[in-house]
Amino acid sequence: MTTPFPDTEKLLNTLIEGIRGNIKPDTGIIGIHTGGVWVAERLHAALGSKVPMGTIDIAFYRDDYGRRGLHGDVKPSDIPFDVNDRDIILVDDVLYTGRTIRAAMNELFDYGRPGCVMLAALVDRGGRQLPIEPRFVGAQVSVPDEELVSLRRDDSGALHLSTEPRPTAHDQS
């Protein structure tokens, strides 16, 4: 069973309009690989940010690194601006337990001490395990625990949200 979603472009526009007017001209935008980077690219362009966009890969900061090991597609983190005392919008595609955001903030603070970190998520599916909430969100959706929400980008660059069954321990062996 898959859960229907609102149009992804409409969600992006909702997110953009929620952020517009609520940030400073020197606010930094940082996307979390991979889907968060895609969303951050759209935000960065639509908001006309003059600060170069940053990216974070949290592979080495995950709290399940010891159990799951390193994902095979680690990308370099790149924050091409000074984060010290700067307002930052940290962008992810799907907010769920909050563990990805915790890992991203741990890495972000290795770069310096931001003035303020605001979370933007295209979709908030609830189910938080940590006290982390988005400041900006495209939509809140209800998705059964047995489904994963994923964002994909097609050949034209368009973004599409979908759900798929969560792999079971049997499926992963």
N, C-alpha and C. Protein backbone atom coordinates (compact mmCIF):
# COMPACT_ATOMS: atom_id res chain seq x y z
N MET A 1 0.85 -1.19 0.00
CA MET A 1 0.00 0.00 0.00
C MET A 1 0.89 1.24 0.00
N THR A 2 0.57 2.20 -0.82
CA THR A 2 1.31 3.46 -0.81
C THR A 2 0.38 4.59 -0.41
N THR A 3 0.96 5.57 0.21
CA THR A 3 0.21 6.72 0.69
C THR A 3 0.30 7.83 -0.36
N PRO A 4 -0.85 8.38 -0.78
CA PRO A 4 -0.79 9.48 -1.76
C PRO A 4 -0.27 10.76 -1.11
N PHE A 5 0.47 11.54 -1.87
CA PHE A 5 1.03 12.79 -1.39
C PHE A 5 0.49 13.95 -2.19
N PRO A 6 0.50 15.14 -1.57
CA PRO A 6 0.21 16.34 -2.35
C PRO A 6 1.30 16.51 -3.41
N ASP A 7 1.03 17.30 -4.42
CA ASP A 7 1.99 17.58 -5.48
C ASP A 7 3.28 18.14 -4.89
N THR A 8 4.41 17.57 -5.27
CA THR A 8 5.70 17.97 -4.71
C THR A 8 6.03 19.43 -5.02
N GLU A 9 5.68 19.90 -6.22
CA GLU A 9 5.93 21.30 -6.57
C GLU A 9 5.13 22.24 -5.66
N LYS A 10 3.91 21.87 -5.33
CA LYS A 10 3.11 22.69 -4.42
C LYS A 10 3.74 22.71 -3.03
N LEU A 11 4.26 21.56 -2.59
CA LEU A 11 4.93 21.50 -1.28
C LEU A 11 6.17 22.39 -1.28
N LEU A 12 6.94 22.35 -2.36
CA LEU A 12 8.12 23.22 -2.46
C LEU A 12 7.72 24.69 -2.40
N ASN A 13 6.68 25.06 -3.11
CA ASN A 13 6.21 26.45 -3.09
C ASN A 13 5.74 26.86 -1.70
N THR A 14 5.05 25.97 -1.01
CA THR A 14 4.62 26.25 0.37
C THR A 14 5.83 26.48 1.26
N LEU A 15 6.85 25.64 1.11
CA LEU A 15 8.07 25.76 1.90
C LEU A 15 8.79 27.08 1.59
N ILE A 16 8.92 27.40 0.33
CA ILE A 16 9.59 28.63 -0.10
C ILE A 16 8.87 29.85 0.48
N GLU A 17 7.56 29.89 0.35
CA GLU A 17 6.79 31.04 0.83
C GLU A 17 6.83 31.13 2.35
N GLY A 18 6.93 30.01 3.04
CA GLY A 18 7.06 30.02 4.49
C GLY A 18 8.38 30.61 4.94
N ILE A 19 9.42 30.42 4.15
CA ILE A 19 10.75 30.91 4.50
C ILE A 19 10.95 32.36 4.07
N ARG A 20 10.43 32.70 2.89
CA ARG A 20 10.62 34.05 2.33
C ARG A 20 10.15 35.09 3.35
N GLY A 21 10.94 36.09 3.59
CA GLY A 21 10.58 37.13 4.54
C GLY A 21 10.90 36.80 5.98
N ASN A 22 11.30 35.57 6.24
CA ASN A 22 11.62 35.15 7.61
C ASN A 22 13.09 34.86 7.80
N ILE A 23 13.91 35.29 6.81
CA ILE A 23 15.35 35.06 6.92
C ILE A 23 16.09 36.36 6.60
N LYS A 24 17.34 36.40 7.04
CA LYS A 24 18.20 37.55 6.76
C LYS A 24 18.91 37.34 5.42
N PRO A 25 19.39 38.42 4.81
CA PRO A 25 20.09 38.29 3.53
C PRO A 25 21.34 37.41 3.61
N ASP A 26 21.98 37.33 4.78
CA ASP A 26 23.20 36.52 4.89
C ASP A 26 22.96 35.16 5.53
N THR A 27 21.69 34.71 5.56
CA THR A 27 21.38 33.38 6.10
C THR A 27 21.97 32.32 5.18
N GLY A 28 22.60 31.32 5.77
CA GLY A 28 23.16 30.21 5.00
C GLY A 28 22.14 29.09 4.87
N ILE A 29 22.15 28.43 3.72
CA ILE A 29 21.28 27.28 3.48
C ILE A 29 22.16 26.06 3.28
N ILE A 30 21.88 25.01 4.07
CA ILE A 30 22.66 23.77 4.01
C ILE A 30 21.71 22.60 3.84
N GLY A 31 21.91 21.82 2.78
CA GLY A 31 21.09 20.64 2.53
C GLY A 31 21.78 19.38 3.00
N ILE A 32 20.99 18.45 3.52
CA ILE A 32 21.49 17.14 3.96
C ILE A 32 21.36 16.17 2.79
N HIS A 33 22.49 15.52 2.44
CA HIS A 33 22.48 14.56 1.32
C HIS A 33 21.49 13.46 1.59
N THR A 34 20.75 13.04 0.63
CA THR A 34 20.74 13.47 -0.76
C THR A 34 19.51 14.33 -1.04
N GLY A 35 18.37 13.88 -0.58
CA GLY A 35 17.12 14.61 -0.86
C GLY A 35 17.10 16.01 -0.31
N GLY A 36 17.70 16.22 0.85
CA GLY A 36 17.75 17.56 1.43
C GLY A 36 18.55 18.53 0.58
N VAL A 37 19.57 18.02 -0.11
CA VAL A 37 20.36 18.87 -1.02
C VAL A 37 19.49 19.28 -2.20
N TRP A 38 18.71 18.35 -2.72
CA TRP A 38 17.83 18.68 -3.86
C TRP A 38 16.84 19.77 -3.47
N VAL A 39 16.24 19.64 -2.28
CA VAL A 39 15.29 20.65 -1.80
C VAL A 39 16.03 21.97 -1.55
N ALA A 40 17.21 21.91 -0.94
CA ALA A 40 17.99 23.12 -0.65
C ALA A 40 18.36 23.85 -1.94
N GLU A 41 18.69 23.13 -2.99
CA GLU A 41 19.01 23.76 -4.27
C GLU A 41 17.83 24.59 -4.77
N ARG A 42 16.64 24.04 -4.65
CA ARG A 42 15.43 24.75 -5.08
C ARG A 42 15.18 25.98 -4.19
N LEU A 43 15.34 25.81 -2.89
CA LEU A 43 15.15 26.93 -1.96
C LEU A 43 16.15 28.04 -2.24
N HIS A 44 17.41 27.65 -2.38
CA HIS A 44 18.49 28.60 -2.61
C HIS A 44 18.21 29.45 -3.84
N ALA A 45 17.80 28.81 -4.94
CA ALA A 45 17.52 29.53 -6.18
C ALA A 45 16.28 30.41 -6.03
N ALA A 46 15.22 29.88 -5.46
CA ALA A 46 13.96 30.63 -5.35
C ALA A 46 14.06 31.82 -4.41
N LEU A 47 14.89 31.68 -3.37
CA LEU A 47 15.03 32.76 -2.39
C LEU A 47 16.08 33.78 -2.81
N GLY A 48 16.81 33.49 -3.89
CA GLY A 48 17.82 34.42 -4.39
C GLY A 48 18.97 34.65 -3.43
N SER A 49 19.34 33.62 -2.69
CA SER A 49 20.41 33.75 -1.70
C SER A 49 21.74 34.07 -2.36
N LYS A 50 22.45 35.04 -1.78
CA LYS A 50 23.78 35.42 -2.27
C LYS A 50 24.89 34.61 -1.58
N VAL A 51 24.55 33.94 -0.49
CA VAL A 51 25.51 33.10 0.23
C VAL A 51 25.55 31.75 -0.48
N PRO A 52 26.74 31.23 -0.82
CA PRO A 52 26.79 29.93 -1.49
C PRO A 52 26.12 28.85 -0.63
N MET A 53 25.46 27.91 -1.29
CA MET A 53 24.77 26.83 -0.58
C MET A 53 25.77 25.80 -0.07
N GLY A 54 25.48 25.24 1.09
CA GLY A 54 26.30 24.18 1.66
C GLY A 54 25.61 22.83 1.61
N THR A 55 26.41 21.78 1.76
CA THR A 55 25.88 20.42 1.81
C THR A 55 26.54 19.65 2.95
N ILE A 56 25.77 18.73 3.53
CA ILE A 56 26.28 17.88 4.61
C ILE A 56 25.93 16.43 4.32
N ASP A 57 26.89 15.54 4.49
CA ASP A 57 26.64 14.10 4.48
C ASP A 57 26.91 13.61 5.89
N ILE A 58 25.91 13.04 6.52
CA ILE A 58 26.00 12.69 7.94
C ILE A 58 26.52 11.27 8.18
N ALA A 59 27.03 10.61 7.16
CA ALA A 59 27.41 9.19 7.27
C ALA A 59 28.25 8.88 8.50
N PHE A 60 29.20 9.73 8.82
CA PHE A 60 30.10 9.47 9.94
C PHE A 60 29.53 9.92 11.28
N TYR A 61 28.38 10.55 11.26
CA TYR A 61 27.77 11.10 12.48
C TYR A 61 26.52 10.33 12.90
N ARG A 62 26.15 9.30 12.15
CA ARG A 62 24.94 8.54 12.47
C ARG A 62 25.12 7.80 13.79
N ASP A 63 24.04 7.72 14.58
CA ASP A 63 24.14 7.00 15.85
C ASP A 63 24.04 5.49 15.67
N ASP A 64 23.76 5.03 14.46
CA ASP A 64 23.73 3.59 14.19
C ASP A 64 24.90 3.16 13.30
N TYR A 65 25.91 4.01 13.21
CA TYR A 65 27.09 3.73 12.38
C TYR A 65 27.74 2.39 12.76
N GLY A 66 27.88 2.14 14.07
CA GLY A 66 28.50 0.90 14.53
C GLY A 66 27.71 -0.34 14.18
N ARG A 67 26.40 -0.21 14.11
CA ARG A 67 25.53 -1.35 13.81
C ARG A 67 25.35 -1.55 12.31
N ARG A 68 25.18 -0.46 11.57
CA ARG A 68 24.88 -0.55 10.14
C ARG A 68 26.11 -0.42 9.26
N GLY A 69 27.17 0.16 9.79
CA GLY A 69 28.36 0.39 8.98
C GLY A 69 28.20 1.61 8.10
N LEU A 70 29.17 1.83 7.25
CA LEU A 70 29.20 3.00 6.38
C LEU A 70 28.42 2.72 5.11
N HIS A 71 27.55 3.64 4.75
CA HIS A 71 26.80 3.55 3.50
C HIS A 71 27.79 3.66 2.35
N GLY A 72 27.58 2.92 1.28
CA GLY A 72 28.52 2.86 0.17
C GLY A 72 28.63 4.13 -0.66
N ASP A 73 27.72 5.08 -0.49
CA ASP A 73 27.71 6.26 -1.35
C ASP A 73 27.92 7.54 -0.53
N VAL A 74 29.01 7.59 0.23
CA VAL A 74 29.30 8.77 1.05
C VAL A 74 29.72 9.92 0.15
N LYS A 75 29.11 11.08 0.39
CA LYS A 75 29.44 12.27 -0.38
C LYS A 75 30.19 13.24 0.53
N PRO A 76 31.04 14.08 -0.01
CA PRO A 76 31.73 15.03 0.85
C PRO A 76 30.79 16.14 1.33
N SER A 77 31.01 16.56 2.56
CA SER A 77 30.31 17.74 3.06
C SER A 77 31.07 18.96 2.55
N ASP A 78 30.32 20.03 2.28
CA ASP A 78 30.93 21.25 1.76
C ASP A 78 30.13 22.45 2.26
N ILE A 79 30.73 23.19 3.17
CA ILE A 79 30.09 24.40 3.67
C ILE A 79 31.04 25.55 3.31
N PRO A 80 30.75 26.24 2.19
CA PRO A 80 31.68 27.24 1.65
C PRO A 80 31.53 28.64 2.25
N PHE A 81 31.09 28.71 3.50
CA PHE A 81 30.98 30.00 4.18
C PHE A 81 31.24 29.78 5.66
N ASP A 82 31.55 30.87 6.34
CA ASP A 82 31.79 30.82 7.78
C ASP A 82 30.45 30.68 8.50
N VAL A 83 30.29 29.63 9.28
CA VAL A 83 29.02 29.41 9.98
C VAL A 83 28.94 30.18 11.30
N ASN A 84 30.07 30.66 11.82
CA ASN A 84 30.09 31.34 13.11
C ASN A 84 29.16 32.55 13.11
N ASP A 85 28.25 32.57 14.08
CA ASP A 85 27.29 33.65 14.30
C ASP A 85 26.32 33.87 13.14
N ARG A 86 26.30 32.98 12.17
CA ARG A 86 25.40 33.12 11.00
C ARG A 86 24.13 32.31 11.25
N ASP A 87 22.98 32.86 10.82
CA ASP A 87 21.75 32.09 10.83
C ASP A 87 21.84 31.05 9.72
N ILE A 88 21.42 29.83 10.04
CA ILE A 88 21.50 28.71 9.10
C ILE A 88 20.12 28.08 8.95
N ILE A 89 19.74 27.77 7.72
CA ILE A 89 18.58 26.92 7.48
C ILE A 89 19.13 25.56 7.08
N LEU A 90 18.86 24.57 7.91
CA LEU A 90 19.25 23.19 7.66
C LEU A 90 18.07 22.51 6.98
N VAL A 91 18.31 21.92 5.80
CA VAL A 91 17.21 21.42 4.96
C VAL A 91 17.29 19.91 4.80
N ASP A 92 16.15 19.26 5.05
CA ASP A 92 16.02 17.82 4.80
C ASP A 92 14.74 17.59 4.01
N ASP A 93 14.69 16.46 3.33
CA ASP A 93 13.50 16.16 2.53
C ASP A 93 12.37 15.63 3.40
N VAL A 94 12.64 14.60 4.21
CA VAL A 94 11.61 13.97 5.03
C VAL A 94 12.08 13.95 6.48
N LEU A 95 11.31 14.55 7.35
CA LEU A 95 11.60 14.54 8.78
C LEU A 95 10.80 13.42 9.42
N TYR A 96 11.50 12.56 10.16
CA TYR A 96 10.85 11.42 10.79
C TYR A 96 11.26 11.37 12.26
N THR A 97 12.26 10.58 12.60
CA THR A 97 12.63 10.38 14.01
C THR A 97 13.40 11.55 14.60
N GLY A 98 14.08 12.32 13.76
CA GLY A 98 14.92 13.43 14.23
C GLY A 98 16.38 13.06 14.33
N ARG A 99 16.70 11.79 14.14
CA ARG A 99 18.09 11.33 14.29
C ARG A 99 19.00 11.86 13.18
N THR A 100 18.49 11.98 11.98
CA THR A 100 19.30 12.56 10.89
C THR A 100 19.63 14.01 11.21
N ILE A 101 18.67 14.75 11.73
CA ILE A 101 18.89 16.16 12.06
C ILE A 101 19.90 16.28 13.20
N ARG A 102 19.79 15.42 14.20
CA ARG A 102 20.76 15.44 15.30
C ARG A 102 22.17 15.22 14.76
N ALA A 103 22.33 14.26 13.87
CA ALA A 103 23.64 13.98 13.28
C ALA A 103 24.14 15.18 12.46
N ALA A 104 23.24 15.80 11.70
CA ALA A 104 23.62 16.95 10.88
C ALA A 104 24.05 18.13 11.77
N MET A 105 23.36 18.34 12.87
CA MET A 105 23.74 19.43 13.77
C MET A 105 25.08 19.14 14.43
N ASN A 106 25.34 17.90 14.78
CA ASN A 106 26.66 17.56 15.33
C ASN A 106 27.76 17.90 14.33
N GLU A 107 27.55 17.55 13.07
CA GLU A 107 28.56 17.87 12.06
C GLU A 107 28.65 19.38 11.84
N LEU A 108 27.51 20.05 11.77
CA LEU A 108 27.50 21.50 11.55
C LEU A 108 28.32 22.21 12.62
N PHE A 109 28.20 21.81 13.87
CA PHE A 109 28.95 22.46 14.95
C PHE A 109 30.45 22.16 14.88
N ASP A 110 30.85 21.16 14.12
CA ASP A 110 32.28 20.96 13.86
C ASP A 110 32.84 22.07 12.98
N TYR A 111 31.98 22.76 12.24
CA TYR A 111 32.38 23.87 11.38
C TYR A 111 32.40 25.20 12.11
N GLY A 112 31.75 25.28 13.26
CA GLY A 112 31.69 26.53 14.01
C GLY A 112 30.41 26.59 14.83
N ARG A 113 30.14 27.79 15.35
CA ARG A 113 28.98 28.00 16.22
C ARG A 113 28.02 28.97 15.54
N PRO A 114 26.96 28.41 14.90
CA PRO A 114 25.99 29.27 14.24
C PRO A 114 25.25 30.16 15.23
N GLY A 115 24.75 31.28 14.73
CA GLY A 115 23.92 32.15 15.56
C GLY A 115 22.58 31.50 15.84
N CYS A 116 21.99 30.87 14.81
CA CYS A 116 20.68 30.25 14.91
C CYS A 116 20.60 29.16 13.85
N VAL A 117 20.04 28.01 14.21
CA VAL A 117 19.81 26.94 13.25
C VAL A 117 18.31 26.71 13.16
N MET A 118 17.77 26.88 11.95
CA MET A 118 16.34 26.66 11.70
C MET A 118 16.21 25.46 10.78
N LEU A 119 15.27 24.59 11.08
CA LEU A 119 15.07 23.38 10.29
C LEU A 119 13.94 23.59 9.29
N ALA A 120 14.22 23.22 8.02
CA ALA A 120 13.20 23.22 6.97
C ALA A 120 13.10 21.79 6.44
N ALA A 121 11.87 21.29 6.33
CA ALA A 121 11.64 19.95 5.80
C ALA A 121 10.53 20.02 4.77
N LEU A 122 10.71 19.32 3.67
CA LEU A 122 9.67 19.26 2.66
C LEU A 122 8.43 18.57 3.24
N VAL A 123 8.66 17.46 3.97
CA VAL A 123 7.57 16.70 4.57
C VAL A 123 7.94 16.33 5.99
N ASP A 124 6.99 16.52 6.90
CA ASP A 124 7.13 16.05 8.29
C ASP A 124 6.13 14.92 8.46
N ARG A 125 6.65 13.71 8.67
CA ARG A 125 5.77 12.55 8.81
C ARG A 125 5.51 12.18 10.26
N GLY A 126 6.01 13.00 11.20
CA GLY A 126 5.81 12.70 12.62
C GLY A 126 6.69 11.53 13.05
N GLY A 127 6.43 10.99 14.23
CA GLY A 127 7.18 9.83 14.70
C GLY A 127 8.50 10.19 15.35
N ARG A 128 8.60 11.40 15.91
CA ARG A 128 9.86 11.86 16.48
C ARG A 128 10.31 11.02 17.66
N GLN A 129 11.60 10.73 17.71
CA GLN A 129 12.24 10.06 18.84
C GLN A 129 13.12 11.03 19.61
N LEU A 130 13.34 12.20 19.05
CA LEU A 130 14.16 13.24 19.68
C LEU A 130 13.36 14.56 19.64
N PRO A 131 13.65 15.49 20.55
CA PRO A 131 12.89 16.74 20.60
C PRO A 131 13.35 17.73 19.53
N ILE A 132 13.02 17.39 18.29
CA ILE A 132 13.42 18.20 17.13
C ILE A 132 12.16 18.51 16.32
N GLU A 133 11.96 19.79 16.02
CA GLU A 133 10.79 20.21 15.25
C GLU A 133 11.21 21.18 14.15
N PRO A 134 10.56 21.11 12.99
CA PRO A 134 10.91 22.05 11.91
C PRO A 134 10.32 23.43 12.15
N ARG A 135 11.04 24.43 11.74
CA ARG A 135 10.49 25.80 11.75
C ARG A 135 9.68 26.04 10.49
N PHE A 136 10.13 25.43 9.38
CA PHE A 136 9.45 25.56 8.10
C PHE A 136 9.17 24.16 7.55
N VAL A 137 7.95 23.94 7.07
CA VAL A 137 7.60 22.63 6.53
C VAL A 137 6.62 22.78 5.37
N GLY A 138 6.83 21.96 4.33
CA GLY A 138 5.94 21.97 3.18
C GLY A 138 4.59 21.36 3.52
N ALA A 139 4.60 20.23 4.24
CA ALA A 139 3.36 19.57 4.65
C ALA A 139 3.64 18.57 5.75
N GLN A 140 2.65 18.40 6.61
CA GLN A 140 2.67 17.31 7.58
C GLN A 140 1.80 16.21 7.00
N VAL A 141 2.33 14.99 7.01
CA VAL A 141 1.59 13.86 6.45
C VAL A 141 1.56 12.73 7.46
N SER A 142 0.56 11.91 7.32
CA SER A 142 0.45 10.72 8.15
C SER A 142 0.78 9.51 7.29
N VAL A 143 1.80 8.77 7.71
CA VAL A 143 2.26 7.62 6.95
C VAL A 143 2.39 6.45 7.93
N PRO A 144 1.87 5.28 7.57
CA PRO A 144 2.02 4.13 8.46
C PRO A 144 3.50 3.82 8.73
N ASP A 145 3.79 3.33 9.93
CA ASP A 145 5.18 3.02 10.31
C ASP A 145 5.84 2.03 9.36
N GLU A 146 5.06 1.17 8.73
CA GLU A 146 5.65 0.14 7.86
C GLU A 146 5.99 0.67 6.46
N GLU A 147 5.83 1.98 6.26
CA GLU A 147 6.18 2.58 4.98
C GLU A 147 7.31 3.60 5.14
N LEU A 148 8.18 3.65 4.14
CA LEU A 148 9.22 4.66 4.04
C LEU A 148 8.76 5.75 3.08
N VAL A 149 9.12 6.97 3.36
CA VAL A 149 8.84 8.07 2.44
C VAL A 149 10.16 8.43 1.77
N SER A 150 10.14 8.53 0.46
CA SER A 150 11.39 8.87 -0.24
C SER A 150 11.13 9.94 -1.30
N LEU A 151 12.17 10.70 -1.55
CA LEU A 151 12.15 11.73 -2.57
C LEU A 151 13.10 11.28 -3.68
N ARG A 152 12.63 11.36 -4.89
CA ARG A 152 13.50 11.04 -6.03
C ARG A 152 13.47 12.20 -7.00
N ARG A 153 14.53 12.27 -7.80
CA ARG A 153 14.63 13.32 -8.81
C ARG A 153 14.70 12.65 -10.17
N ASP A 154 13.83 13.06 -11.09
CA ASP A 154 13.83 12.44 -12.41
C ASP A 154 14.87 13.10 -13.32
N ASP A 155 14.96 12.62 -14.54
CA ASP A 155 15.97 13.11 -15.49
C ASP A 155 15.83 14.60 -15.80
N SER A 156 14.62 15.13 -15.66
CA SER A 156 14.41 16.56 -15.93
C SER A 156 14.73 17.43 -14.72
N GLY A 157 15.01 16.79 -13.57
CA GLY A 157 15.29 17.53 -12.34
C GLY A 157 14.07 17.73 -11.46
N ALA A 158 12.90 17.28 -11.91
CA ALA A 158 11.68 17.40 -11.11
C ALA A 158 11.75 16.44 -9.92
N LEU A 159 11.20 16.89 -8.79
CA LEU A 159 11.21 16.09 -7.57
C LEU A 159 9.86 15.42 -7.38
N HIS A 160 9.90 14.17 -6.86
CA HIS A 160 8.69 13.38 -6.66
C HIS A 160 8.78 12.63 -5.34
N LEU A 161 7.76 12.79 -4.50
CA LEU A 161 7.67 12.04 -3.25
C LEU A 161 6.86 10.77 -3.48
N SER A 162 7.26 9.70 -2.78
CA SER A 162 6.51 8.45 -2.85
C SER A 162 6.76 7.66 -1.58
N THR A 163 5.98 6.62 -1.40
CA THR A 163 6.19 5.72 -0.29
C THR A 163 6.49 4.34 -0.84
N GLU A 164 7.12 3.56 -0.01
CA GLU A 164 7.40 2.16 -0.36
C GLU A 164 7.40 1.37 0.94
N PRO A 165 7.15 0.07 0.85
CA PRO A 165 7.16 -0.73 2.08
C PRO A 165 8.55 -0.70 2.73
N ARG A 166 8.56 -0.61 4.05
CA ARG A 166 9.82 -0.65 4.79
C ARG A 166 10.39 -2.06 4.69
N PRO A 167 11.68 -2.19 4.35
CA PRO A 167 12.27 -3.53 4.28
C PRO A 167 12.24 -4.20 5.67
N THR A 168 11.95 -5.47 5.67
CA THR A 168 11.99 -6.22 6.91
C THR A 168 13.38 -6.80 7.09
N ALA A 169 13.67 -7.33 8.27
CA ALA A 169 14.98 -7.95 8.52
C ALA A 169 15.22 -9.08 7.52
N HIS A 170 14.16 -9.77 7.15
CA HIS A 170 14.27 -10.86 6.17
C HIS A 170 14.67 -10.32 4.80
N ASP A 171 14.10 -9.16 4.41
CA ASP A 171 14.42 -8.55 3.11
C ASP A 171 15.85 -8.08 3.03
N GLN A 172 16.45 -7.72 4.16
CA GLN A 172 17.79 -7.15 4.16
C GLN A 172 18.90 -8.19 4.20
N SER A 173 18.55 -9.44 4.37
CA SER A 173 19.61 -10.46 4.45
C SER A 173 19.99 -10.99 3.09
